[in-house]
Amino acid sequence: MTTMKAAVIHEAGGPEVLKIESLPIPTPQSGEVLIRVKAFGLNRSELFTRQGHSASVKFPRVLGIERLESSSQRQEATFGKGDVVATAMGGMGRQFDGGYANSPACPHTGAGR
């Protein structure tokens, strides 16, 4: 099994709750694309979530609602391996794991080629 590094939180708290862990690289399902994160942003929304102010977030969770300069692995015809993609919001880091990981799977809208 191939793994990735991710900053995982298991409970709300200060910066010390962010723990670097090895997680399995997800297998993208239909309607998802696996991306390799090259950079991500830190923002106030993630700070609030980490502190426990986002009641809908279930722990453990990989935060990150922004992913920048990422490259996709082909999962749907609209994207090809190596395509540059960008994502933001849409449940990232809340309903599914976000960009504080090397290779998360992310739903896509079908926009692309």
Protein backbone atom coordinates (compact mmCIF):
# COMPACT_ATOMS: atom_id res chain seq x y z
CA MET A 1 0.00 0.00 0.00
CA THR A 2 1.35 3.41 -0.95
CA THR A 3 1.14 6.12 1.68
CA MET A 4 1.24 9.91 1.85
CA LYS A 5 2.06 12.41 4.56
CA ALA A 6 -0.80 14.44 6.02
CA ALA A 7 -1.37 16.84 8.90
CA VAL A 8 -4.21 15.18 10.80
CA ILE A 9 -6.23 16.50 13.73
CA HIS A 10 -7.97 14.04 16.06
CA GLU A 11 -9.51 16.66 18.33
CA ALA A 12 -10.04 20.40 18.48
CA GLY A 13 -7.29 22.53 19.99
CA GLY A 14 -4.26 24.68 19.37
CA PRO A 15 -1.55 24.15 16.74
CA GLU A 16 -0.19 21.22 18.75
CA VAL A 17 -3.17 19.04 17.68
CA LEU A 18 -1.84 18.98 14.09
CA LYS A 19 0.05 15.67 13.81
CA ILE A 20 2.02 14.55 10.77
CA GLU A 21 0.92 11.01 9.94
CA SER A 22 1.27 8.50 7.11
CA LEU A 23 -2.10 7.72 5.53
CA PRO A 24 -3.00 5.48 2.59
CA ILE A 25 -3.18 7.36 -0.71
CA PRO A 26 -6.88 7.24 -1.58
CA THR A 27 -8.18 5.48 -4.67
CA PRO A 28 -10.35 8.02 -6.50
CA GLN A 29 -13.93 6.93 -7.03
CA SER A 30 -16.17 7.91 -9.93
CA GLY A 31 -16.48 11.70 -9.98
CA GLU A 32 -13.20 12.20 -8.11
CA VAL A 33 -9.67 13.03 -9.16
CA LEU A 34 -6.49 12.23 -7.23
CA ILE A 35 -4.24 15.25 -7.02
CA ARG A 36 -0.67 15.83 -5.91
CA VAL A 37 -0.53 18.92 -3.75
CA LYS A 38 2.39 21.22 -4.47
CA ALA A 39 1.18 24.11 -2.30
CA PHE A 40 -1.79 25.02 -0.15
CA GLY A 41 -3.02 28.06 1.73
CA LEU A 42 -3.64 28.57 5.43
CA ASN A 43 -6.68 30.63 6.33
CA ARG A 44 -8.93 31.74 9.16
CA SER A 45 -11.64 29.17 8.37
CA GLU A 46 -9.18 26.33 9.02
CA LEU A 47 -8.06 28.01 12.25
CA PHE A 48 -11.67 28.10 13.45
CA THR A 49 -12.21 24.47 12.44
CA ARG A 50 -9.04 23.38 14.24
CA GLN A 51 -10.20 25.23 17.35
CA GLY A 52 -13.52 23.32 17.29
CA HIS A 53 -15.84 26.07 16.00
CA SER A 54 -17.12 24.03 13.00
CA ALA A 55 -19.71 21.74 14.56
CA SER A 56 -20.27 19.69 11.40
CA VAL A 57 -16.61 18.59 11.13
CA LYS A 58 -15.95 15.03 12.33
CA PHE A 59 -12.50 14.08 13.62
CA PRO A 60 -10.05 12.77 12.65
CA ARG A 61 -9.81 15.17 9.72
CA VAL A 62 -7.20 16.50 7.31
CA LEU A 63 -7.91 20.22 7.03
CA GLY A 64 -7.30 22.39 3.97
CA ILE A 65 -9.96 24.12 1.89
CA GLU A 66 -7.55 25.36 -0.78
CA ARG A 67 -5.21 23.48 -3.07
CA LEU A 68 -2.96 25.30 -5.48
CA GLU A 69 -0.82 24.20 -8.43
CA SER A 70 -1.83 20.58 -8.22
CA SER A 71 -1.50 17.92 -10.87
CA SER A 72 -4.18 15.31 -11.43
CA GLN A 73 -4.09 11.60 -12.14
CA ARG A 74 -6.56 10.59 -14.80
CA GLN A 75 -9.87 9.42 -13.37
CA GLU A 76 -12.38 10.94 -15.78
CA ALA A 77 -12.06 11.80 -19.46
CA THR A 78 -12.06 15.52 -18.67
CA PHE A 79 -8.65 15.35 -16.95
CA GLY A 80 -5.39 13.79 -18.01
CA LYS A 81 -2.41 12.82 -15.90
CA GLY A 82 -0.28 15.90 -15.32
CA ASP A 83 -3.06 18.43 -15.95
CA VAL A 84 -2.80 21.47 -13.70
CA VAL A 85 -5.87 21.82 -11.48
CA ALA A 86 -6.96 24.10 -8.65
CA THR A 87 -9.72 23.59 -6.12
CA ALA A 88 -11.23 25.53 -3.24
CA MET A 89 -14.06 25.06 -0.76
CA GLY A 90 -16.85 22.63 -1.65
CA GLY A 91 -16.54 20.61 1.56
CA MET A 92 -12.76 20.23 1.52
CA GLY A 93 -11.36 19.77 5.01
CA ARG A 94 -14.91 19.49 6.34
CA GLN A 95 -16.90 16.70 4.64
CA PHE A 96 -13.80 15.06 3.15
CA ASP A 97 -10.07 15.40 3.74
CA GLY A 98 -8.41 18.49 2.37
CA GLY A 99 -5.14 19.89 1.15
CA TYR A 100 -2.99 19.35 4.25
CA ALA A 101 -2.04 16.05 2.57
CA ASN A 102 0.26 15.06 -0.30
CA SER A 103 -2.28 13.26 -2.51
CA PRO A 104 -5.94 13.65 -1.54
CA ALA A 105 -8.88 12.60 -3.71
CA CYS A 106 -11.24 15.42 -4.55
CA PRO A 107 -14.67 15.57 -6.23
CA HIS A 108 -14.65 17.44 -9.52
CA THR A 109 -17.26 19.27 -11.53
CA GLY A 110 -16.20 17.85 -14.86
CA ALA A 111 -14.64 21.07 -16.03
CA GLY A 112 -11.42 20.46 -17.85
CA ARG A 113 -10.18 19.63 -21.30
